[in-house]
């Protein structure tokens, strides 16, 4: 027996192991798929100088997690575990719906503060000082004009 034939026999044994006790259709389809892949590789390996047997064994080891995942997807559940899975799925969907509603519902926010702030100062600031007196000078005389005193309550 050649090394490639031995590697193929190991792959077929592994395939028979992880497909046992599956429905006949799923089991036979998976085994035929693996046989087809091995046959195609055998035809391509004739042109290769690499170690085809090592390649097949490496693909076997790297593919074990995918094979087990495939197997888990084809397991039929009993009525009790199916009922529990439906209950948990329903609860998860309800919780997700409540969370989405809480995140997307509008929130009443207070109105934003005004951009202009009015500040009242008590007591009011003192009035501005009166203007300086005007002076008119001539050669012989000087006139000083004083502004009229402001009277509280007047418009002037």
N, C-alpha and C. Protein backbone atom coordinates (compact mmCIF):
# COMPACT_ATOMS: atom_id res chain seq x y z
N UNK A 1 0.85 -1.17 0.00
CA UNK A 1 0.00 0.00 0.00
C UNK A 1 0.90 1.24 0.00
N UNK A 2 0.58 2.18 -0.87
CA UNK A 2 1.38 3.41 -0.97
C UNK A 2 1.03 4.35 0.19
N UNK A 3 1.92 5.29 0.47
CA UNK A 3 1.63 6.25 1.55
C UNK A 3 0.36 7.05 1.29
N UNK A 4 0.11 7.40 0.03
CA UNK A 4 -1.10 8.16 -0.29
C UNK A 4 -2.35 7.32 -0.06
N UNK A 5 -2.31 6.06 -0.43
CA UNK A 5 -3.46 5.17 -0.21
C UNK A 5 -3.71 4.99 1.29
N UNK A 6 -2.64 4.90 2.08
CA UNK A 6 -2.80 4.77 3.53
C UNK A 6 -3.42 6.04 4.11
N UNK A 7 -2.96 7.21 3.65
CA UNK A 7 -3.52 8.47 4.14
C UNK A 7 -5.00 8.57 3.75
N UNK A 8 -5.34 8.16 2.53
CA UNK A 8 -6.74 8.17 2.11
C UNK A 8 -7.59 7.23 2.97
N UNK A 9 -7.04 6.07 3.33
CA UNK A 9 -7.78 5.13 4.18
C UNK A 9 -8.02 5.73 5.56
N UNK A 10 -7.04 6.48 6.09
CA UNK A 10 -7.22 7.13 7.40
C UNK A 10 -8.33 8.18 7.32
N UNK A 11 -8.34 8.96 6.24
CA UNK A 11 -9.38 9.99 6.06
C UNK A 11 -10.75 9.34 5.95
N UNK A 12 -10.85 8.25 5.19
CA UNK A 12 -12.15 7.57 5.05
C UNK A 12 -12.61 6.98 6.38
N UNK A 13 -11.68 6.46 7.18
CA UNK A 13 -12.04 5.91 8.49
C UNK A 13 -12.56 7.04 9.40
N UNK A 14 -11.89 8.18 9.39
CA UNK A 14 -12.35 9.32 10.19
C UNK A 14 -13.74 9.78 9.74
N UNK A 15 -13.97 9.78 8.42
CA UNK A 15 -15.26 10.20 7.89
C UNK A 15 -16.36 9.23 8.33
N UNK A 16 -16.07 7.94 8.29
CA UNK A 16 -17.06 6.96 8.75
C UNK A 16 -17.33 7.13 10.25
N UNK A 17 -16.31 7.50 11.00
CA UNK A 17 -16.47 7.67 12.45
C UNK A 17 -17.39 8.84 12.78
N UNK A 18 -17.15 10.01 12.18
CA UNK A 18 -17.96 11.16 12.58
C UNK A 18 -19.30 11.26 11.87
N UNK A 19 -19.55 10.33 10.91
CA UNK A 19 -20.87 10.33 10.27
C UNK A 19 -21.74 9.17 10.73
N UNK A 20 -21.27 8.38 11.69
CA UNK A 20 -22.09 7.27 12.18
C UNK A 20 -23.30 7.82 12.92
N UNK A 21 -24.40 7.07 12.85
CA UNK A 21 -25.67 7.38 13.52
C UNK A 21 -26.29 8.69 13.04
N UNK A 22 -25.99 9.07 11.81
CA UNK A 22 -26.66 10.21 11.18
C UNK A 22 -27.74 9.68 10.26
N UNK A 23 -28.68 10.52 9.84
CA UNK A 23 -29.63 10.07 8.83
C UNK A 23 -28.89 9.59 7.58
N UNK A 24 -29.43 8.58 6.93
CA UNK A 24 -28.76 7.91 5.82
C UNK A 24 -28.39 8.88 4.71
N UNK A 25 -29.28 9.80 4.36
CA UNK A 25 -29.01 10.72 3.26
C UNK A 25 -27.83 11.63 3.59
N UNK A 26 -27.83 12.24 4.77
CA UNK A 26 -26.73 13.13 5.15
C UNK A 26 -25.42 12.37 5.24
N UNK A 27 -25.46 11.17 5.83
CA UNK A 27 -24.25 10.36 5.99
C UNK A 27 -23.66 9.99 4.64
N UNK A 28 -24.49 9.46 3.74
CA UNK A 28 -23.99 9.01 2.43
C UNK A 28 -23.50 10.18 1.58
N UNK A 29 -24.19 11.32 1.64
CA UNK A 29 -23.74 12.48 0.87
C UNK A 29 -22.38 12.97 1.36
N UNK A 30 -22.16 13.00 2.67
CA UNK A 30 -20.88 13.47 3.20
C UNK A 30 -19.76 12.50 2.83
N UNK A 31 -20.01 11.22 2.95
CA UNK A 31 -18.98 10.24 2.59
C UNK A 31 -18.64 10.30 1.10
N UNK A 32 -19.64 10.49 0.25
CA UNK A 32 -19.40 10.61 -1.19
C UNK A 32 -18.62 11.89 -1.50
N UNK A 33 -18.92 12.96 -0.77
CA UNK A 33 -18.20 14.22 -0.97
C UNK A 33 -16.71 14.06 -0.64
N UNK A 34 -16.41 13.40 0.47
CA UNK A 34 -15.02 13.18 0.87
C UNK A 34 -14.32 12.24 -0.12
N UNK A 35 -15.00 11.18 -0.56
CA UNK A 35 -14.40 10.26 -1.55
C UNK A 35 -14.08 10.99 -2.86
N UNK A 36 -14.98 11.87 -3.28
CA UNK A 36 -14.75 12.63 -4.51
C UNK A 36 -13.54 13.55 -4.35
N UNK A 37 -13.44 14.20 -3.21
CA UNK A 37 -12.30 15.10 -2.96
C UNK A 37 -10.99 14.32 -2.96
N UNK A 38 -10.97 13.13 -2.33
CA UNK A 38 -9.75 12.31 -2.31
C UNK A 38 -9.39 11.83 -3.71
N UNK A 39 -10.38 11.43 -4.50
CA UNK A 39 -10.12 10.96 -5.86
C UNK A 39 -9.52 12.08 -6.71
N UNK A 40 -10.10 13.32 -6.61
CA UNK A 40 -9.56 14.45 -7.38
C UNK A 40 -8.13 14.78 -6.94
N UNK A 41 -7.87 14.72 -5.65
CA UNK A 41 -6.52 15.02 -5.18
C UNK A 41 -5.53 13.97 -5.67
N UNK A 42 -5.95 12.70 -5.69
CA UNK A 42 -5.07 11.63 -6.17
C UNK A 42 -4.67 11.87 -7.63
N UNK A 43 -5.61 12.32 -8.44
CA UNK A 43 -5.30 12.59 -9.85
C UNK A 43 -4.37 13.79 -9.98
N UNK A 44 -4.54 14.82 -9.16
CA UNK A 44 -3.67 16.00 -9.21
C UNK A 44 -2.30 15.73 -8.58
N UNK A 45 -2.23 14.82 -7.61
CA UNK A 45 -0.98 14.54 -6.92
C UNK A 45 0.02 13.84 -7.81
N UNK A 46 -0.44 13.20 -8.87
CA UNK A 46 0.47 12.52 -9.78
C UNK A 46 1.42 13.51 -10.43
N UNK A 47 1.01 14.79 -10.53
CA UNK A 47 1.85 15.82 -11.14
C UNK A 47 2.69 16.58 -10.11
N UNK A 48 2.57 16.24 -8.86
CA UNK A 48 3.22 17.01 -7.80
C UNK A 48 4.43 16.26 -7.25
N UNK A 49 5.49 17.01 -6.90
CA UNK A 49 6.66 16.41 -6.27
C UNK A 49 6.57 16.49 -4.76
N UNK A 50 5.58 17.19 -4.25
CA UNK A 50 5.40 17.29 -2.80
C UNK A 50 4.93 15.96 -2.24
N UNK A 51 4.98 15.84 -0.95
CA UNK A 51 4.50 14.61 -0.32
C UNK A 51 2.99 14.62 -0.25
N UNK A 52 2.31 13.99 -1.23
CA UNK A 52 0.84 14.01 -1.24
C UNK A 52 0.23 13.38 -0.01
N UNK A 53 0.85 12.36 0.53
CA UNK A 53 0.29 11.70 1.72
C UNK A 53 0.32 12.66 2.91
N UNK A 54 1.42 13.41 3.06
CA UNK A 54 1.51 14.38 4.16
C UNK A 54 0.48 15.50 3.97
N UNK A 55 0.26 15.85 2.71
CA UNK A 55 -0.73 16.89 2.42
C UNK A 55 -2.13 16.43 2.82
N UNK A 56 -2.47 15.19 2.50
CA UNK A 56 -3.78 14.66 2.86
C UNK A 56 -3.94 14.59 4.37
N UNK A 57 -2.89 14.15 5.08
CA UNK A 57 -2.98 14.06 6.53
C UNK A 57 -3.06 15.44 7.18
N UNK A 58 -2.36 16.41 6.62
CA UNK A 58 -2.45 17.78 7.15
C UNK A 58 -3.86 18.33 6.95
N UNK A 59 -4.44 18.08 5.78
CA UNK A 59 -5.82 18.53 5.53
C UNK A 59 -6.78 17.83 6.48
N UNK A 60 -6.51 16.58 6.81
CA UNK A 60 -7.36 15.85 7.75
C UNK A 60 -7.31 16.53 9.12
N UNK A 61 -6.11 16.78 9.62
CA UNK A 61 -5.98 17.37 10.95
C UNK A 61 -6.55 18.79 11.01
N UNK A 62 -6.31 19.57 9.98
CA UNK A 62 -6.82 20.94 9.97
C UNK A 62 -8.34 20.99 9.76
N UNK A 63 -8.91 19.93 9.18
CA UNK A 63 -10.34 19.92 8.91
C UNK A 63 -11.19 19.31 10.00
N UNK A 64 -10.58 18.76 11.04
CA UNK A 64 -11.36 18.12 12.11
C UNK A 64 -12.35 19.09 12.76
N UNK A 65 -11.97 20.33 13.10
CA UNK A 65 -12.98 21.23 13.67
C UNK A 65 -14.17 21.48 12.74
N UNK A 66 -13.92 21.61 11.45
CA UNK A 66 -15.02 21.79 10.50
C UNK A 66 -15.89 20.54 10.40
N UNK A 67 -15.26 19.37 10.46
CA UNK A 67 -16.03 18.13 10.42
C UNK A 67 -16.94 18.02 11.64
N UNK A 68 -16.42 18.35 12.81
CA UNK A 68 -17.22 18.28 14.03
C UNK A 68 -18.34 19.32 14.01
N UNK A 69 -18.07 20.49 13.46
CA UNK A 69 -19.12 21.50 13.32
C UNK A 69 -20.21 21.03 12.36
N UNK A 70 -19.81 20.39 11.27
CA UNK A 70 -20.78 19.84 10.33
C UNK A 70 -21.63 18.78 11.03
N UNK A 71 -20.98 17.95 11.81
CA UNK A 71 -21.69 16.88 12.54
C UNK A 71 -22.70 17.50 13.51
N UNK A 72 -22.30 18.53 14.24
CA UNK A 72 -23.19 19.16 15.21
C UNK A 72 -24.39 19.80 14.52
N UNK A 73 -24.22 20.27 13.30
CA UNK A 73 -25.35 20.89 12.59
C UNK A 73 -26.37 19.85 12.12
N UNK A 74 -26.00 18.58 12.11
CA UNK A 74 -26.91 17.53 11.66
C UNK A 74 -27.47 16.70 12.82
N UNK A 75 -27.22 17.10 14.05
CA UNK A 75 -27.75 16.36 15.20
C UNK A 75 -29.20 16.74 15.39
N UNK A 76 -30.05 15.73 15.57
CA UNK A 76 -31.47 16.01 15.84
C UNK A 76 -31.65 16.14 17.35
N UNK A 77 -32.46 17.11 17.73
CA UNK A 77 -32.68 17.39 19.15
C UNK A 77 -33.93 16.67 19.63
N UNK A 78 -33.92 16.26 20.89
CA UNK A 78 -35.11 15.67 21.49
C UNK A 78 -36.15 16.75 21.77
N UNK A 79 -37.36 16.34 22.12
CA UNK A 79 -38.43 17.33 22.31
C UNK A 79 -38.15 18.24 23.49
N UNK A 80 -37.54 17.73 24.58
CA UNK A 80 -37.27 18.57 25.76
C UNK A 80 -36.22 19.63 25.46
N UNK A 81 -35.13 19.25 24.80
CA UNK A 81 -34.09 20.23 24.51
C UNK A 81 -34.55 21.19 23.42
N UNK A 82 -35.39 20.73 22.50
CA UNK A 82 -35.92 21.61 21.48
C UNK A 82 -36.82 22.67 22.10
N UNK A 83 -37.65 22.24 23.07
CA UNK A 83 -38.53 23.18 23.76
C UNK A 83 -37.70 24.21 24.53
N UNK A 84 -36.63 23.78 25.17
CA UNK A 84 -35.78 24.72 25.91
C UNK A 84 -35.09 25.69 24.95
N UNK A 85 -34.65 25.19 23.81
CA UNK A 85 -33.99 26.06 22.84
C UNK A 85 -34.97 27.10 22.30
N UNK A 86 -36.22 26.71 22.05
CA UNK A 86 -37.22 27.65 21.56
C UNK A 86 -37.51 28.70 22.63
N UNK A 87 -37.60 28.28 23.88
CA UNK A 87 -37.86 29.23 24.98
C UNK A 87 -36.72 30.23 25.12
N UNK A 88 -35.49 29.74 25.08
CA UNK A 88 -34.34 30.64 25.21
C UNK A 88 -34.25 31.58 24.02
N UNK A 89 -34.54 31.09 22.83
CA UNK A 89 -34.50 31.94 21.65
C UNK A 89 -35.58 33.02 21.73
N UNK A 90 -36.78 32.65 22.18
CA UNK A 90 -37.85 33.63 22.33
C UNK A 90 -37.48 34.69 23.36
N UNK A 91 -36.92 34.27 24.49
CA UNK A 91 -36.51 35.23 25.52
C UNK A 91 -35.41 36.15 25.00
N UNK A 92 -34.47 35.61 24.23
CA UNK A 92 -33.39 36.44 23.68
C UNK A 92 -33.93 37.45 22.68
N UNK A 93 -34.89 37.03 21.84
CA UNK A 93 -35.47 37.96 20.87
C UNK A 93 -36.26 39.05 21.59
N UNK A 94 -37.01 38.69 22.65
CA UNK A 94 -37.76 39.68 23.41
C UNK A 94 -36.81 40.67 24.07
N UNK A 95 -35.73 40.17 24.69
CA UNK A 95 -34.76 41.07 25.33
C UNK A 95 -34.09 41.98 24.31
N UNK A 96 -33.79 41.45 23.15
CA UNK A 96 -33.19 42.29 22.10
C UNK A 96 -34.17 43.36 21.65
N UNK A 97 -35.46 43.02 21.53
CA UNK A 97 -36.47 44.00 21.15
C UNK A 97 -36.62 45.11 22.18
N UNK A 98 -36.62 44.74 23.47
CA UNK A 98 -36.69 45.76 24.53
C UNK A 98 -35.47 46.65 24.49
N UNK A 99 -34.31 46.07 24.29
CA UNK A 99 -33.08 46.86 24.24
C UNK A 99 -33.11 47.83 23.05
N UNK A 100 -33.53 47.35 21.87
CA UNK A 100 -33.59 48.22 20.69
C UNK A 100 -34.60 49.34 20.92
N UNK A 101 -35.75 49.03 21.53
CA UNK A 101 -36.74 50.08 21.80
C UNK A 101 -36.17 51.11 22.77
N UNK A 102 -35.47 50.67 23.79
CA UNK A 102 -34.91 51.61 24.77
C UNK A 102 -33.85 52.50 24.14
N UNK A 103 -33.09 51.96 23.22
CA UNK A 103 -32.03 52.74 22.57
C UNK A 103 -32.62 53.73 21.57
N UNK A 104 -33.65 53.33 20.83
CA UNK A 104 -34.15 54.17 19.75
C UNK A 104 -35.31 55.07 20.13
N UNK A 105 -35.90 54.92 21.33
CA UNK A 105 -37.04 55.76 21.69
C UNK A 105 -36.55 57.18 21.98
N UNK A 106 -37.38 58.19 21.61
CA UNK A 106 -36.96 59.58 21.83
C UNK A 106 -36.95 59.91 23.32
N UNK A 107 -36.05 60.76 23.70
CA UNK A 107 -35.90 61.18 25.09
C UNK A 107 -36.23 62.66 25.16
N UNK A 108 -37.08 63.05 26.11
CA UNK A 108 -37.41 64.47 26.29
C UNK A 108 -36.27 65.15 27.03
N UNK A 109 -35.54 65.96 26.32
CA UNK A 109 -34.43 66.68 26.92
C UNK A 109 -34.88 68.09 27.29
N UNK A 110 -34.30 68.68 28.32
CA UNK A 110 -34.64 70.06 28.64
C UNK A 110 -34.18 70.98 27.51
N UNK A 111 -34.85 72.15 27.41
CA UNK A 111 -34.48 73.08 26.35
C UNK A 111 -33.06 73.57 26.59
N UNK A 112 -32.34 73.81 25.52
CA UNK A 112 -30.95 74.24 25.69
C UNK A 112 -30.91 75.64 26.31
N UNK A 113 -29.88 75.92 27.04
CA UNK A 113 -29.72 77.22 27.69
C UNK A 113 -29.58 78.31 26.63
N UNK A 114 -30.07 79.50 26.97
CA UNK A 114 -30.00 80.61 26.04
C UNK A 114 -28.54 81.00 25.83
N UNK A 115 -28.25 81.47 24.62
CA UNK A 115 -26.88 81.84 24.30
C UNK A 115 -26.50 83.19 24.88
N UNK A 116 -27.49 84.04 25.15
CA UNK A 116 -27.23 85.36 25.72
C UNK A 116 -27.69 85.34 27.17
N UNK A 117 -26.82 85.71 28.05
CA UNK A 117 -27.16 85.72 29.46
C UNK A 117 -27.33 87.17 29.91
N UNK A 118 -28.49 87.48 30.47
CA UNK A 118 -28.77 88.83 30.95
C UNK A 118 -28.37 88.90 32.41
N UNK A 119 -27.52 89.87 32.71
CA UNK A 119 -27.06 90.05 34.08
C UNK A 119 -27.52 91.42 34.56
N UNK A 120 -28.25 91.46 35.66
CA UNK A 120 -28.69 92.74 36.22
C UNK A 120 -27.76 93.08 37.37
N UNK A 121 -27.31 94.33 37.37
CA UNK A 121 -26.37 94.78 38.39
C UNK A 121 -27.11 95.70 39.34
N UNK A 122 -27.04 95.47 40.63
CA UNK A 122 -27.66 96.33 41.65
C UNK A 122 -26.57 96.81 42.58
N UNK A 123 -26.50 98.00 42.91
CA UNK A 123 -27.22 99.16 42.38
C UNK A 123 -26.70 99.49 40.99
N UNK A 124 -27.46 100.34 40.24
CA UNK A 124 -27.02 100.69 38.90
C UNK A 124 -25.73 101.49 38.95
N UNK A 125 -24.94 101.45 37.90
CA UNK A 125 -23.67 102.18 37.92
C UNK A 125 -23.91 103.70 37.96
N UNK A 126 -22.95 104.48 38.43
CA UNK A 126 -23.13 105.94 38.49
C UNK A 126 -23.20 106.54 37.10
N UNK A 127 -23.83 107.73 36.98
CA UNK A 127 -23.92 108.35 35.66
C UNK A 127 -22.55 108.81 35.21
N UNK A 128 -22.38 108.99 33.90
CA UNK A 128 -21.08 109.42 33.41
C UNK A 128 -20.79 110.87 33.86
N UNK A 129 -19.53 111.26 33.96
CA UNK A 129 -19.20 112.64 34.40
C UNK A 129 -19.63 113.67 33.34
N UNK A 130 -19.88 114.91 33.76
CA UNK A 130 -20.26 115.93 32.79
C UNK A 130 -19.10 116.26 31.87
N UNK A 131 -19.42 116.79 30.67
CA UNK A 131 -18.33 117.14 29.74
C UNK A 131 -17.54 118.35 30.26
N UNK A 132 -16.32 118.46 29.84
CA UNK A 132 -15.53 119.61 30.31
C UNK A 132 -16.12 120.94 29.78
N UNK A 133 -15.93 122.02 30.50
CA UNK A 133 -16.48 123.29 30.03
C UNK A 133 -15.80 123.75 28.76
N UNK A 134 -16.62 124.35 27.87
CA UNK A 134 -16.07 124.89 26.64
C UNK A 134 -15.44 126.25 26.89
N UNK A 135 -14.35 126.55 26.25
CA UNK A 135 -13.64 127.82 26.45
C UNK A 135 -13.50 128.52 25.11
N UNK A 136 -13.96 129.77 25.06
CA UNK A 136 -13.77 130.59 23.87
C UNK A 136 -12.83 131.72 24.26
N UNK A 137 -11.72 131.89 23.59
CA UNK A 137 -10.75 132.93 23.94
C UNK A 137 -10.70 133.95 22.81
N UNK A 138 -10.73 135.20 23.18
CA UNK A 138 -10.53 136.32 22.26
C UNK A 138 -9.37 137.14 22.80
N UNK A 139 -9.02 138.10 22.09
CA UNK A 139 -7.87 138.89 22.53
C UNK A 139 -8.10 139.57 23.87
N UNK A 140 -9.28 140.07 24.07
CA UNK A 140 -9.48 140.83 25.28
C UNK A 140 -10.37 140.12 26.30
N UNK A 141 -11.04 139.12 25.96
CA UNK A 141 -11.95 138.48 26.92
C UNK A 141 -12.01 136.98 26.74
N UNK A 142 -12.51 136.25 27.72
CA UNK A 142 -12.66 134.79 27.71
C UNK A 142 -14.07 134.46 28.18
N UNK A 143 -14.72 133.58 27.46
CA UNK A 143 -16.05 133.12 27.87
C UNK A 143 -15.95 131.64 28.24
N UNK A 144 -16.46 131.31 29.39
CA UNK A 144 -16.52 129.90 29.83
C UNK A 144 -17.98 129.48 29.81
N UNK A 145 -18.26 128.43 29.08
CA UNK A 145 -19.64 127.92 28.99
C UNK A 145 -19.72 126.63 29.79
N UNK A 146 -20.56 126.69 30.80
CA UNK A 146 -20.79 125.48 31.61
C UNK A 146 -22.03 124.77 31.10
N UNK A 147 -22.01 123.45 31.02
CA UNK A 147 -23.21 122.75 30.61
C UNK A 147 -24.29 122.87 31.68
N UNK A 148 -25.52 122.79 31.24
CA UNK A 148 -26.64 122.87 32.20
C UNK A 148 -26.59 121.63 33.07
N UNK A 149 -26.88 121.84 34.36
CA UNK A 149 -26.90 120.67 35.24
C UNK A 149 -28.07 119.76 34.86
N UNK A 150 -27.82 118.45 34.94
CA UNK A 150 -28.92 117.52 34.63
C UNK A 150 -29.82 117.37 35.84
N UNK A 151 -31.09 117.37 35.57
CA UNK A 151 -32.08 117.25 36.63
C UNK A 151 -32.61 115.83 36.58
N UNK A 152 -32.66 115.18 37.73
CA UNK A 152 -33.20 113.81 37.71
C UNK A 152 -34.64 113.82 37.19
N UNK A 153 -34.94 112.88 36.30
CA UNK A 153 -36.27 112.75 35.75
C UNK A 153 -36.45 113.55 34.46
N UNK A 154 -35.48 114.36 34.07
CA UNK A 154 -35.60 115.11 32.83
C UNK A 154 -35.13 114.24 31.67
N UNK A 155 -35.55 114.60 30.48
CA UNK A 155 -35.18 113.82 29.30
C UNK A 155 -33.80 114.20 28.79
N UNK A 156 -33.28 115.27 29.25
CA UNK A 156 -32.02 115.73 28.75
C UNK A 156 -30.84 115.14 29.40
